[in-house]
């Protein structure tokens, strides 16, 4: 089992920045990919960004050049630096991890609200 705990959400004005953190615990040696998804009211959960254990990153087109994912393997933590935030970035952000065995884990979610 892998446990994921997110932090760093909140309320920010458009154009502002936030940094989300997600700390993993448990069977962390099994983790391959870690990333962030988001779900806005009435919409499906969507990938924001993820990073493999080898450092390969993947971003949604809507956040490219604004958001940056990073990973500190020594701290078993993944970060999402969000700059130039827009009201349409408002959502619950979920941390996600996938293990080499194909198991998928989710954090509890953290609310990000961007006011116009």
PDB file of N, CA and C in Angstrom:
ATOM      1  N   UNK A   1       0.836  -1.194   0.000  1.00  0.00           N
ATOM      2  CA  UNK A   1       0.000   0.000   0.000  1.00  0.00           C
ATOM      3  C   UNK A   1       0.874   1.249   0.000  1.00  0.00           C
ATOM      4  N   UNK A   2       0.367   2.272  -0.641  1.00  0.00           N
ATOM      5  CA  UNK A   2       1.018   3.585  -0.662  1.00  0.00           C
ATOM      6  C   UNK A   2       0.012   4.606  -0.157  1.00  0.00           C
ATOM      7  N   UNK A   3       0.450   5.457   0.747  1.00  0.00           N
ATOM      8  CA  UNK A   3      -0.393   6.540   1.232  1.00  0.00           C
ATOM      9  C   UNK A   3       0.152   7.867   0.686  1.00  0.00           C
ATOM     10  N   UNK A   4      -0.778   8.720   0.266  1.00  0.00           N
ATOM     11  CA  UNK A   4      -0.408  10.011  -0.310  1.00  0.00           C
ATOM     12  C   UNK A   4      -1.118  11.118   0.460  1.00  0.00           C
ATOM     13  N   UNK A   5      -0.372  12.124   0.874  1.00  0.00           N
ATOM     14  CA  UNK A   5      -0.951  13.240   1.620  1.00  0.00           C
ATOM     15  C   UNK A   5      -0.572  14.542   0.923  1.00  0.00           C
ATOM     16  N   UNK A   6      -1.597  15.263   0.463  1.00  0.00           N
ATOM     17  CA  UNK A   6      -1.362  16.521  -0.244  1.00  0.00           C
ATOM     18  C   UNK A   6      -1.436  17.709   0.701  1.00  0.00           C
ATOM     19  N   UNK A   7      -0.796  18.788   0.298  1.00  0.00           N
ATOM     20  CA  UNK A   7      -0.893  20.056   1.023  1.00  0.00           C
ATOM     21  C   UNK A   7      -0.593  21.181   0.047  1.00  0.00           C
ATOM     22  N   UNK A   8      -0.982  22.392   0.430  1.00  0.00           N
ATOM     23  CA  UNK A   8      -0.609  23.566  -0.356  1.00  0.00           C
ATOM     24  C   UNK A   8      -1.714  24.224  -1.136  1.00  0.00           C
ATOM     25  N   UNK A   9      -2.912  23.670  -1.120  1.00  0.00           N
ATOM     26  CA  UNK A   9      -4.004  24.312  -1.832  1.00  0.00           C
ATOM     27  C   UNK A   9      -4.450  25.588  -1.135  1.00  0.00           C
ATOM     28  N   UNK A  10      -5.371  26.300  -1.773  1.00  0.00           N
ATOM     29  CA  UNK A  10      -5.882  27.513  -1.164  1.00  0.00           C
ATOM     30  C   UNK A  10      -6.544  28.423  -2.173  1.00  0.00           C
ATOM     31  N   UNK A  11      -6.748  29.665  -1.747  1.00  0.00           N
ATOM     32  CA  UNK A  11      -7.389  30.680  -2.575  1.00  0.00           C
ATOM     33  C   UNK A  11      -6.332  31.675  -3.040  1.00  0.00           C
ATOM     34  N   UNK A  12      -6.341  31.968  -4.333  1.00  0.00           N
ATOM     35  CA  UNK A  12      -5.365  32.898  -4.895  1.00  0.00           C
ATOM     36  C   UNK A  12      -6.039  33.698  -5.997  1.00  0.00           C
ATOM     37  N   UNK A  13      -5.564  34.905  -6.211  1.00  0.00           N
ATOM     38  CA  UNK A  13      -6.094  35.718  -7.302  1.00  0.00           C
ATOM     39  C   UNK A  13      -5.495  35.281  -8.632  1.00  0.00           C
ATOM     40  N   UNK A  14      -6.219  35.562  -9.689  1.00  0.00           N
ATOM     41  CA  UNK A  14      -5.713  35.253 -11.024  1.00  0.00           C
ATOM     42  C   UNK A  14      -4.355  35.915 -11.240  1.00  0.00           C
ATOM     43  N   UNK A  15      -3.452  35.145 -11.843  1.00  0.00           N
ATOM     44  CA  UNK A  15      -2.096  35.609 -12.043  1.00  0.00           C
ATOM     45  C   UNK A  15      -1.148  35.223 -10.935  1.00  0.00           C
ATOM     46  N   UNK A  16      -1.682  34.733  -9.843  1.00  0.00           N
ATOM     47  CA  UNK A  16      -0.863  34.359  -8.700  1.00  0.00           C
ATOM     48  C   UNK A  16      -0.282  32.961  -8.834  1.00  0.00           C
ATOM     49  N   UNK A  17       0.368  32.522  -7.758  1.00  0.00           N
ATOM     50  CA  UNK A  17       1.059  31.229  -7.749  1.00  0.00           C
ATOM     51  C   UNK A  17       0.714  30.436  -6.496  1.00  0.00           C
ATOM     52  N   UNK A  18       0.788  29.135  -6.638  1.00  0.00           N
ATOM     53  CA  UNK A  18       0.663  28.213  -5.516  1.00  0.00           C
ATOM     54  C   UNK A  18       1.591  27.044  -5.772  1.00  0.00           C
ATOM     55  N   UNK A  19       2.023  26.397  -4.684  1.00  0.00           N
ATOM     56  CA  UNK A  19       2.796  25.170  -4.828  1.00  0.00           C
ATOM     57  C   UNK A  19       2.123  24.076  -4.021  1.00  0.00           C
ATOM     58  N   UNK A  20       1.825  22.990  -4.698  1.00  0.00           N
ATOM     59  CA  UNK A  20       1.238  21.813  -4.049  1.00  0.00           C
ATOM     60  C   UNK A  20       2.349  20.816  -3.743  1.00  0.00           C
ATOM     61  N   UNK A  21       2.176  20.125  -2.634  1.00  0.00           N
ATOM     62  CA  UNK A  21       3.112  19.069  -2.248  1.00  0.00           C
ATOM     63  C   UNK A  21       2.340  17.792  -1.993  1.00  0.00           C
ATOM     64  N   UNK A  22       2.973  16.674  -2.256  1.00  0.00           N
ATOM     65  CA  UNK A  22       2.370  15.376  -1.992  1.00  0.00           C
ATOM     66  C   UNK A  22       3.453  14.453  -1.452  1.00  0.00           C
ATOM     67  N   UNK A  23       3.279  14.034  -0.205  1.00  0.00           N
ATOM     68  CA  UNK A  23       4.241  13.145   0.434  1.00  0.00           C
ATOM     69  C   UNK A  23       3.725  11.721   0.396  1.00  0.00           C
ATOM     70  N   UNK A  24       4.566  10.824  -0.058  1.00  0.00           N
ATOM     71  CA  UNK A  24       4.213   9.413  -0.142  1.00  0.00           C
ATOM     72  C   UNK A  24       4.832   8.647   1.019  1.00  0.00           C
ATOM     73  N   UNK A  25       4.100   7.658   1.503  1.00  0.00           N
ATOM     74  CA  UNK A  25       4.605   6.771   2.548  1.00  0.00           C
ATOM     75  C   UNK A  25       4.085   5.369   2.278  1.00  0.00           C
ATOM     76  N   UNK A  26       4.643   4.405   2.994  1.00  0.00           N
ATOM     77  CA  UNK A  26       4.247   3.016   2.785  1.00  0.00           C
ATOM     78  C   UNK A  26       5.248   2.318   1.874  1.00  0.00           C
ATOM     79  N   UNK A  27       4.740   1.560   0.922  1.00  0.00           N
ATOM     80  CA  UNK A  27       5.609   0.767   0.041  1.00  0.00           C
ATOM     81  C   UNK A  27       6.115   1.634  -1.115  1.00  0.00           C
ATOM     82  N   UNK A  28       6.857   2.655  -0.741  1.00  0.00           N
ATOM     83  CA  UNK A  28       7.271   3.661  -1.714  1.00  0.00           C
ATOM     84  C   UNK A  28       8.286   3.133  -2.710  1.00  0.00           C
ATOM     85  N   UNK A  29       8.971   2.055  -2.390  1.00  0.00           N
ATOM     86  CA  UNK A  29       9.972   1.525  -3.306  1.00  0.00           C
ATOM     87  C   UNK A  29       9.333   0.959  -4.563  1.00  0.00           C
ATOM     88  N   UNK A  30       8.006   0.767  -4.501  1.00  0.00           N
ATOM     89  CA  UNK A  30       7.282   0.245  -5.656  1.00  0.00           C
ATOM     90  C   UNK A  30       6.809   1.328  -6.620  1.00  0.00           C
ATOM     91  N   UNK A  31       6.982   2.601  -6.223  1.00  0.00           N
ATOM     92  CA  UNK A  31       6.398   3.680  -7.008  1.00  0.00           C
ATOM     93  C   UNK A  31       7.191   3.929  -8.282  1.00  0.00           C
ATOM     94  N   UNK A  32       6.501   4.054  -9.395  1.00  0.00           N
ATOM     95  CA  UNK A  32       7.099   4.486 -10.652  1.00  0.00           C
ATOM     96  C   UNK A  32       6.676   5.930 -10.911  1.00  0.00           C
ATOM     97  N   UNK A  33       5.473   6.120 -11.387  1.00  0.00           N
ATOM     98  CA  UNK A  33       5.008   7.462 -11.755  1.00  0.00           C
ATOM     99  C   UNK A  33       4.275   8.124 -10.593  1.00  0.00           C
ATOM    100  N   UNK A  34       4.550   9.408 -10.411  1.00  0.00           N
ATOM    101  CA  UNK A  34       3.772  10.248  -9.493  1.00  0.00           C
ATOM    102  C   UNK A  34       3.282  11.459 -10.268  1.00  0.00           C
ATOM    103  N   UNK A  35       2.094  11.909  -9.914  1.00  0.00           N
ATOM    104  CA  UNK A  35       1.571  13.032 -10.664  1.00  0.00           C
ATOM    105  C   UNK A  35       0.384  13.690 -10.008  1.00  0.00           C
ATOM    106  N   UNK A  36      -0.189  14.626 -10.742  1.00  0.00           N
ATOM    107  CA  UNK A  36      -1.319  15.402 -10.268  1.00  0.00           C
ATOM    108  C   UNK A  36      -2.453  15.363 -11.286  1.00  0.00           C
ATOM    109  N   UNK A  37      -3.655  15.168 -10.765  1.00  0.00           N
ATOM    110  CA  UNK A  37      -4.880  15.268 -11.538  1.00  0.00           C
ATOM    111  C   UNK A  37      -5.735  16.349 -10.894  1.00  0.00           C
ATOM    112  N   UNK A  38      -6.746  16.797 -11.624  1.00  0.00           N
ATOM    113  CA  UNK A  38      -7.681  17.758 -11.042  1.00  0.00           C
ATOM    114  C   UNK A  38      -9.088  17.463 -11.530  1.00  0.00           C
ATOM    115  N   UNK A  39     -10.045  17.880 -10.713  1.00  0.00           N
ATOM    116  CA  UNK A  39     -11.449  17.706 -11.067  1.00  0.00           C
ATOM    117  C   UNK A  39     -12.210  18.952 -10.677  1.00  0.00           C
ATOM    118  N   UNK A  40     -12.764  19.619 -11.675  1.00  0.00           N
ATOM    119  CA  UNK A  40     -13.595  20.794 -11.450  1.00  0.00           C
ATOM    120  C   UNK A  40     -15.049  20.337 -11.326  1.00  0.00           C
ATOM    121  N   UNK A  41     -15.896  21.133 -10.697  1.00  0.00           N
ATOM    122  CA  UNK A  41     -17.307  20.761 -10.542  1.00  0.00           C
ATOM    123  C   UNK A  41     -17.957  20.460 -11.881  1.00  0.00           C
ATOM    124  N   UNK A  42     -18.608  19.306 -11.959  1.00  0.00           N
ATOM    125  CA  UNK A  42     -19.311  18.931 -13.168  1.00  0.00           C
ATOM    126  C   UNK A  42     -18.441  18.417 -14.291  1.00  0.00           C
ATOM    127  N   UNK A  43     -17.150  18.259 -14.028  1.00  0.00           N
ATOM    128  CA  UNK A  43     -16.232  17.794 -15.064  1.00  0.00           C
ATOM    129  C   UNK A  43     -15.537  16.517 -14.622  1.00  0.00           C
ATOM    130  N   UNK A  44     -14.976  15.821 -15.597  1.00  0.00           N
ATOM    131  CA  UNK A  44     -14.237  14.605 -15.301  1.00  0.00           C
ATOM    132  C   UNK A  44     -12.849  14.944 -14.752  1.00  0.00           C
ATOM    133  N   UNK A  45     -12.306  14.018 -14.002  1.00  0.00           N
ATOM    134  CA  UNK A  45     -10.944  14.180 -13.501  1.00  0.00           C
ATOM    135  C   UNK A  45      -9.990  14.106 -14.685  1.00  0.00           C
ATOM    136  N   UNK A  46      -9.022  15.007 -14.696  1.00  0.00           N
ATOM    137  CA  UNK A  46      -8.092  15.060 -15.811  1.00  0.00           C
ATOM    138  C   UNK A  46      -6.651  15.140 -15.312  1.00  0.00           C
ATOM    139  N   UNK A  47      -5.753  14.617 -16.133  1.00  0.00           N
ATOM    140  CA  UNK A  47      -4.336  14.688 -15.813  1.00  0.00           C
ATOM    141  C   UNK A  47      -3.855  16.128 -15.942  1.00  0.00           C
ATOM    142  N   UNK A  48      -3.085  16.575 -14.946  1.00  0.00           N
ATOM    143  CA  UNK A  48      -2.426  17.875 -15.009  1.00  0.00           C
ATOM    144  C   UNK A  48      -0.965  17.682 -15.428  1.00  0.00           C
ATOM    145  N   UNK A  49      -0.255  16.850 -14.669  1.00  0.00           N
ATOM    146  CA  UNK A  49       1.151  16.575 -14.965  1.00  0.00           C
ATOM    147  C   UNK A  49       1.576  15.333 -14.213  1.00  0.00           C
ATOM    148  N   UNK A  50       2.523  14.594 -14.791  1.00  0.00           N
ATOM    149  CA  UNK A  50       3.108  13.493 -14.054  1.00  0.00           C
ATOM    150  C   UNK A  50       4.580  13.345 -14.403  1.00  0.00           C
ATOM    151  N   UNK A  51       5.247  12.555 -13.584  1.00  0.00           N
ATOM    152  CA  UNK A  51       6.689  12.361 -13.747  1.00  0.00           C
ATOM    153  C   UNK A  51       7.034  10.916 -13.391  1.00  0.00           C
ATOM    154  N   UNK A  52       7.803  10.277 -14.237  1.00  0.00           N
ATOM    155  CA  UNK A  52       8.239   8.915 -13.949  1.00  0.00           C
ATOM    156  C   UNK A  52       9.425   8.942 -12.988  1.00  0.00           C
ATOM    157  N   UNK A  53       9.761   7.783 -12.470  1.00  0.00           N
ATOM    158  CA  UNK A  53      10.915   7.696 -11.575  1.00  0.00           C
ATOM    159  C   UNK A  53      12.198   8.058 -12.305  1.00  0.00           C
ATOM    160  N   UNK A  54      12.189   7.934 -13.629  1.00  0.00           N
ATOM    161  CA  UNK A  54      13.349   8.299 -14.425  1.00  0.00           C
ATOM    162  C   UNK A  54      13.411   9.766 -14.785  1.00  0.00           C
ATOM    163  N   UNK A  55      12.376  10.519 -14.404  1.00  0.00           N
ATOM    164  CA  UNK A  55      12.394  11.968 -14.629  1.00  0.00           C
ATOM    165  C   UNK A  55      11.653  12.445 -15.858  1.00  0.00           C
ATOM    166  N   UNK A  56      11.023  11.530 -16.583  1.00  0.00           N
ATOM    167  CA  UNK A  56      10.260  11.963 -17.757  1.00  0.00           C
ATOM    168  C   UNK A  56       8.952  12.611 -17.306  1.00  0.00           C
ATOM    169  N   UNK A  57       8.649  13.772 -17.873  1.00  0.00           N
ATOM    170  CA  UNK A  57       7.450  14.509 -17.487  1.00  0.00           C
ATOM    171  C   UNK A  57       6.426  14.549 -18.607  1.00  0.00           C
ATOM    172  N   UNK A  58       5.191  14.770 -18.193  1.00  0.00           N
ATOM    173  CA  UNK A  58       4.074  14.859 -19.130  1.00  0.00           C
ATOM    174  C   UNK A  58       3.121  15.906 -18.581  1.00  0.00           C
ATOM    175  N   UNK A  59       2.710  16.854 -19.435  1.00  0.00           N
ATOM    176  CA  UNK A  59       1.831  17.933 -19.006  1.00  0.00           C
ATOM    177  C   UNK A  59       0.588  18.003 -19.886  1.00  0.00           C
ATOM    178  N   UNK A  60      -0.524  18.409 -19.285  1.00  0.00           N
ATOM    179  CA  UNK A  60      -1.690  18.776 -20.064  1.00  0.00           C
ATOM    180  C   UNK A  60      -1.377  20.043 -20.845  1.00  0.00           C
ATOM    181  N   UNK A  61      -1.915  20.146 -22.042  1.00  0.00           N
ATOM    182  CA  UNK A  61      -1.643  21.327 -22.875  1.00  0.00           C
ATOM    183  C   UNK A  61      -2.046  22.618 -22.165  1.00  0.00           C
ATOM    184  N   UNK A  62      -3.113  22.545 -21.380  1.00  0.00           N
ATOM    185  CA  UNK A  62      -3.655  23.745 -20.742  1.00  0.00           C
ATOM    186  C   UNK A  62      -2.741  24.326 -19.665  1.00  0.00           C
ATOM    187  N   UNK A  63      -1.764  23.547 -19.206  1.00  0.00           N
ATOM    188  CA  UNK A  63      -0.897  24.041 -18.123  1.00  0.00           C
ATOM    189  C   UNK A  63       0.560  24.170 -18.545  1.00  0.00           C
ATOM    190  N   UNK A  64       0.876  23.775 -19.768  1.00  0.00           N
ATOM    191  CA  UNK A  64       2.259  23.870 -20.230  1.00  0.00           C
ATOM    192  C   UNK A  64       2.752  25.316 -20.138  1.00  0.00           C
ATOM    193  N   UNK A  65       3.973  25.462 -19.702  1.00  0.00           N
ATOM    194  CA  UNK A  65       4.642  26.763 -19.557  1.00  0.00           C
ATOM    195  C   UNK A  65       4.105  27.574 -18.376  1.00  0.00           C
ATOM    196  N   UNK A  66       3.172  27.025 -17.623  1.00  0.00           N
ATOM    197  CA  UNK A  66       2.689  27.682 -16.402  1.00  0.00           C
ATOM    198  C   UNK A  66       2.942  26.833 -15.158  1.00  0.00           C
ATOM    199  N   UNK A  67       2.792  25.524 -15.291  1.00  0.00           N
ATOM    200  CA  UNK A  67       2.952  24.612 -14.170  1.00  0.00           C
ATOM    201  C   UNK A  67       4.239  23.811 -14.349  1.00  0.00           C
ATOM    202  N   UNK A  68       4.868  23.476 -13.238  1.00  0.00           N
ATOM    203  CA  UNK A  68       6.072  22.655 -13.267  1.00  0.00           C
ATOM    204  C   UNK A  68       5.972  21.572 -12.209  1.00  0.00           C
ATOM    205  N   UNK A  69       6.146  20.329 -12.633  1.00  0.00           N
ATOM    206  CA  UNK A  69       6.164  19.222 -11.690  1.00  0.00           C
ATOM    207  C   UNK A  69       7.608  18.881 -11.357  1.00  0.00           C
ATOM    208  N   UNK A  70       7.843  18.555 -10.096  1.00  0.00           N
ATOM    209  CA  UNK A  70       9.174  18.132  -9.683  1.00  0.00           C
ATOM    210  C   UNK A  70       9.028  17.060  -8.615  1.00  0.00           C
ATOM    211  N   UNK A  71      10.130  16.390  -8.381  1.00  0.00           N
ATOM    212  CA  UNK A  71      10.063  15.236  -7.493  1.00  0.00           C
ATOM    213  C   UNK A  71      11.351  15.172  -6.686  1.00  0.00           C
ATOM    214  N   UNK A  72      11.206  14.993  -5.377  1.00  0.00           N
ATOM    215  CA  UNK A  72      12.345  14.795  -4.486  1.00  0.00           C
ATOM    216  C   UNK A  72      12.288  13.362  -3.998  1.00  0.00           C
ATOM    217  N   UNK A  73      13.060  12.503  -4.621  1.00  0.00           N
ATOM    218  CA  UNK A  73      12.988  11.087  -4.285  1.00  0.00           C
ATOM    219  C   UNK A  73      13.491  10.806  -2.872  1.00  0.00           C
ATOM    220  N   UNK A  74      14.402  11.642  -2.380  1.00  0.00           N
ATOM    221  CA  UNK A  74      14.912  11.444  -1.022  1.00  0.00           C
ATOM    222  C   UNK A  74      13.814  11.689   0.016  1.00  0.00           C
ATOM    223  N   UNK A  75      12.883  12.595  -0.313  1.00  0.00           N
ATOM    224  CA  UNK A  75      11.780  12.909   0.595  1.00  0.00           C
ATOM    225  C   UNK A  75      10.486  12.223   0.191  1.00  0.00           C
ATOM    226  N   UNK A  76      10.539  11.454  -0.898  1.00  0.00           N
ATOM    227  CA  UNK A  76       9.343  10.753  -1.387  1.00  0.00           C
ATOM    228  C   UNK A  76       8.195  11.736  -1.601  1.00  0.00           C
ATOM    229  N   UNK A  77       8.523  12.873  -2.169  1.00  0.00           N
ATOM    230  CA  UNK A  77       7.555  13.949  -2.328  1.00  0.00           C
ATOM    231  C   UNK A  77       7.557  14.446  -3.769  1.00  0.00           C
ATOM    232  N   UNK A  78       6.359  14.739  -4.259  1.00  0.00           N
ATOM    233  CA  UNK A  78       6.208  15.352  -5.572  1.00  0.00           C
ATOM    234  C   UNK A  78       5.562  16.716  -5.385  1.00  0.00           C
ATOM    235  N   UNK A  79       5.999  17.662  -6.194  1.00  0.00           N
ATOM    236  CA  UNK A  79       5.518  19.028  -6.091  1.00  0.00           C
ATOM    237  C   UNK A  79       4.884  19.460  -7.409  1.00  0.00           C
ATOM    238  N   UNK A  80       3.980  20.430  -7.303  1.00  0.00           N
ATOM    239  CA  UNK A  80       3.434  21.066  -8.492  1.00  0.00           C
ATOM    240  C   UNK A  80       3.481  22.575  -8.256  1.00  0.00           C
ATOM    241  N   UNK A  81       4.390  23.229  -8.954  1.00  0.00           N
ATOM    242  CA  UNK A  81       4.474  24.679  -8.908  1.00  0.00           C
ATOM    243  C   UNK A  81       3.541  25.244  -9.963  1.00  0.00           C
ATOM    244  N   UNK A  82       2.587  26.046  -9.517  1.00  0.00           N
ATOM    245  CA  UNK A  82       1.571  26.584 -10.419  1.00  0.00           C
ATOM    246  C   UNK A  82       1.716  28.105 -10.470  1.00  0.00           C
ATOM    247  N   UNK A  83       2.062  28.608 -11.631  1.00  0.00           N
ATOM    248  CA  UNK A  83       2.218  30.043 -11.843  1.00  0.00           C
ATOM    249  C   UNK A  83       1.178  30.547 -12.839  1.00  0.00           C
ATOM    250  N   UNK A  84       0.997  31.849 -12.853  1.00  0.00           N
ATOM    251  CA  UNK A  84       0.041  32.469 -13.788  1.00  0.00           C
ATOM    252  C   UNK A  84      -1.312  31.776 -13.730  1.00  0.00           C
ATOM    253  N   UNK A  85      -1.797  31.555 -12.533  1.00  0.00           N
ATOM    254  CA  UNK A  85      -3.052  30.823 -12.356  1.00  0.00           C
ATOM    255  C   UNK A  85      -4.233  31.569 -12.959  1.00  0.00           C
ATOM    256  N   UNK A  86      -5.177  30.788 -13.483  1.00  0.00           N
ATOM    257  CA  UNK A  86      -6.373  31.315 -14.118  1.00  0.00           C
ATOM    258  C   UNK A  86      -7.598  30.787 -13.376  1.00  0.00           C
ATOM    259  N   UNK A  87      -8.721  31.490 -13.474  1.00  0.00           N
ATOM    260  CA  UNK A  87      -9.945  30.977 -12.831  1.00  0.00           C
ATOM    261  C   UNK A  87     -10.297  29.564 -13.288  1.00  0.00           C
ATOM    262  N   UNK A  88      -9.996  29.217 -14.523  1.00  0.00           N
ATOM    263  CA  UNK A  88     -10.308  27.874 -15.018  1.00  0.00           C
ATOM    264  C   UNK A  88      -9.407  26.795 -14.423  1.00  0.00           C
ATOM    265  N   UNK A  89      -8.393  27.185 -13.667  1.00  0.00           N
ATOM    266  CA  UNK A  89      -7.580  26.209 -12.936  1.00  0.00           C
ATOM    267  C   UNK A  89      -8.241  25.786 -11.619  1.00  0.00           C
ATOM    268  N   UNK A  90      -9.333  26.435 -11.270  1.00  0.00           N
ATOM    269  CA  UNK A  90     -10.041  26.091 -10.034  1.00  0.00           C
ATOM    270  C   UNK A  90     -10.537  24.654 -10.085  1.00  0.00           C
ATOM    271  N   UNK A  91     -10.170  23.874  -9.086  1.00  0.00           N
ATOM    272  CA  UNK A  91     -10.518  22.455  -9.046  1.00  0.00           C
ATOM    273  C   UNK A  91      -9.998  21.863  -7.749  1.00  0.00           C
ATOM    274  N   UNK A  92     -10.406  20.631  -7.506  1.00  0.00           N
ATOM    275  CA  UNK A  92      -9.754  19.828  -6.475  1.00  0.00           C
ATOM    276  C   UNK A  92      -8.598  19.103  -7.151  1.00  0.00           C
ATOM    277  N   UNK A  93      -7.417  19.242  -6.593  1.00  0.00           N
ATOM    278  CA  UNK A  93      -6.219  18.628  -7.153  1.00  0.00           C
ATOM    279  C   UNK A  93      -5.884  17.376  -6.354  1.00  0.00           C
ATOM    280  N   UNK A  94      -5.660  16.285  -7.078  1.00  0.00           N
ATOM    281  CA  UNK A  94      -5.387  14.993  -6.461  1.00  0.00           C
ATOM    282  C   UNK A  94      -3.992  14.513  -6.830  1.00  0.00           C
ATOM    283  N   UNK A  95      -3.276  14.050  -5.837  1.00  0.00           N
ATOM    284  CA  UNK A  95      -1.998  13.400  -6.082  1.00  0.00           C
ATOM    285  C   UNK A  95      -2.264  11.944  -6.466  1.00  0.00           C
ATOM    286  N   UNK A  96      -1.436  11.439  -7.356  1.00  0.00           N
ATOM    287  CA  UNK A  96      -1.617  10.074  -7.847  1.00  0.00           C
ATOM    288  C   UNK A  96      -0.262   9.389  -7.939  1.00  0.00           C
ATOM    289  N   UNK A  97      -0.240   8.106  -7.655  1.00  0.00           N
ATOM    290  CA  UNK A  97       0.981   7.342  -7.876  1.00  0.00           C
ATOM    291  C   UNK A  97       0.633   5.994  -8.484  1.00  0.00           C
ATOM    292  N   UNK A  98       1.516   5.537  -9.334  1.00  0.00           N
ATOM    293  CA  UNK A  98       1.402   4.218  -9.941  1.00  0.00           C
ATOM    294  C   UNK A  98       2.644   3.418  -9.596  1.00  0.00           C
ATOM    295  N   UNK A  99       2.433   2.171  -9.228  1.00  0.00           N
ATOM    296  CA  UNK A  99       3.570   1.321  -8.902  1.00  0.00           C
ATOM    297  C   UNK A  99       3.988   0.510 -10.121  1.00  0.00           C
ATOM    298  N   UNK A 100       5.150  -0.087 -10.026  1.00  0.00           N
ATOM    299  CA  UNK A 100       5.654  -0.937 -11.096  1.00  0.00           C
ATOM    300  C   UNK A 100       4.743  -2.130 -11.337  1.00  0.00           C
ATOM    301  N   UNK A 101       4.008  -2.525 -10.311  1.00  0.00           N
ATOM    302  CA  UNK A 101       3.081  -3.660 -10.445  1.00  0.00           C
ATOM    303  C   UNK A 101       1.743  -3.235 -11.034  1.00  0.00           C
ATOM    304  N   UNK A 102       1.571  -1.926 -11.258  1.00  0.00           N
ATOM    305  CA  UNK A 102       0.336  -1.469 -11.876  1.00  0.00           C
ATOM    306  C   UNK A 102      -0.735  -1.017 -10.909  1.00  0.00           C
ATOM    307  N   UNK A 103      -0.419  -0.956  -9.612  1.00  0.00           N
ATOM    308  CA  UNK A 103      -1.394  -0.454  -8.648  1.00  0.00           C
ATOM    309  C   UNK A 103      -1.444   1.068  -8.707  1.00  0.00           C
ATOM    310  N   UNK A 104      -2.620   1.602  -8.432  1.00  0.00           N
ATOM    311  CA  UNK A 104      -2.878   3.033  -8.571  1.00  0.00           C
ATOM    312  C   UNK A 104      -3.393   3.568  -7.232  1.00  0.00           C
ATOM    313  N   UNK A 105      -2.810   4.662  -6.770  1.00  0.00           N
ATOM    314  CA  UNK A 105      -3.204   5.226  -5.474  1.00  0.00           C
ATOM    315  C   UNK A 105      -3.511   6.710  -5.630  1.00  0.00           C
ATOM    316  N   UNK A 106      -4.434   7.183  -4.762  1.00  0.00           N
ATOM    317  CA  UNK A 106      -4.863   8.582  -4.799  1.00  0.00           C
ATOM    318  C   UNK A 106      -4.749   9.214  -3.417  1.00  0.00           C
ATOM    319  N   UNK A 107      -4.431  10.520  -3.413  1.00  0.00           N
ATOM    320  CA  UNK A 107      -4.525  11.287  -2.188  1.00  0.00           C
ATOM    321  C   UNK A 107      -5.963  11.740  -1.971  1.00  0.00           C
ATOM    322  N   UNK A 108      -6.176  12.476  -0.880  1.00  0.00           N
ATOM    323  CA  UNK A 108      -7.529  12.879  -0.511  1.00  0.00           C
ATOM    324  C   UNK A 108      -7.991  14.108  -1.281  1.00  0.00           C
ATOM    325  N   UNK A 109      -7.070  14.809  -1.906  1.00  0.00           N
ATOM    326  CA  UNK A 109      -7.414  15.992  -2.684  1.00  0.00           C
ATOM    327  C   UNK A 109      -7.219  17.277  -1.906  1.00  0.00           C
ATOM    328  N   UNK A 110      -6.867  18.325  -2.624  1.00  0.00           N
ATOM    329  CA  UNK A 110      -6.717  19.650  -2.020  1.00  0.00           C
ATOM    330  C   UNK A 110      -7.349  20.682  -2.960  1.00  0.00           C
ATOM    331  N   UNK A 111      -8.133  21.582  -2.373  1.00  0.00           N
ATOM    332  CA  UNK A 111      -8.874  22.557  -3.180  1.00  0.00           C
ATOM    333  C   UNK A 111      -7.976  23.719  -3.603  1.00  0.00           C
ATOM    334  N   UNK A 112      -8.041  24.036  -4.874  1.00  0.00           N
ATOM    335  CA  UNK A 112      -7.389  25.230  -5.409  1.00  0.00           C
ATOM    336  C   UNK A 112      -8.478  26.106  -6.015  1.00  0.00           C
ATOM    337  N   UNK A 113      -8.579  27.335  -5.538  1.00  0.00           N
ATOM    338  CA  UNK A 113      -9.571  28.270  -6.038  1.00  0.00           C
ATOM    339  C   UNK A 113      -8.860  29.530  -6.526  1.00  0.00           C
ATOM    340  N   UNK A 114      -9.123  29.879  -7.781  1.00  0.00           N
ATOM    341  CA  UNK A 114      -8.504  31.060  -8.383  1.00  0.00           C
ATOM    342  C   UNK A 114      -9.607  32.079  -8.656  1.00  0.00           C
ATOM    343  N   UNK A 115      -9.517  33.219  -8.014  1.00  0.00           N
ATOM    344  CA  UNK A 115     -10.535  34.257  -8.194  1.00  0.00           C
ATOM    345  C   UNK A 115     -10.130  35.208  -9.318  1.00  0.00           C
ATOM    346  N   UNK A 116     -11.148  35.717  -9.995  1.00  0.00           N
ATOM    347  CA  UNK A 116     -10.878  36.624 -11.131  1.00  0.00           C
ATOM    348  C   UNK A 116     -10.796  38.080 -10.694  1.00  0.00           C
TER     349      UNK A 116
END
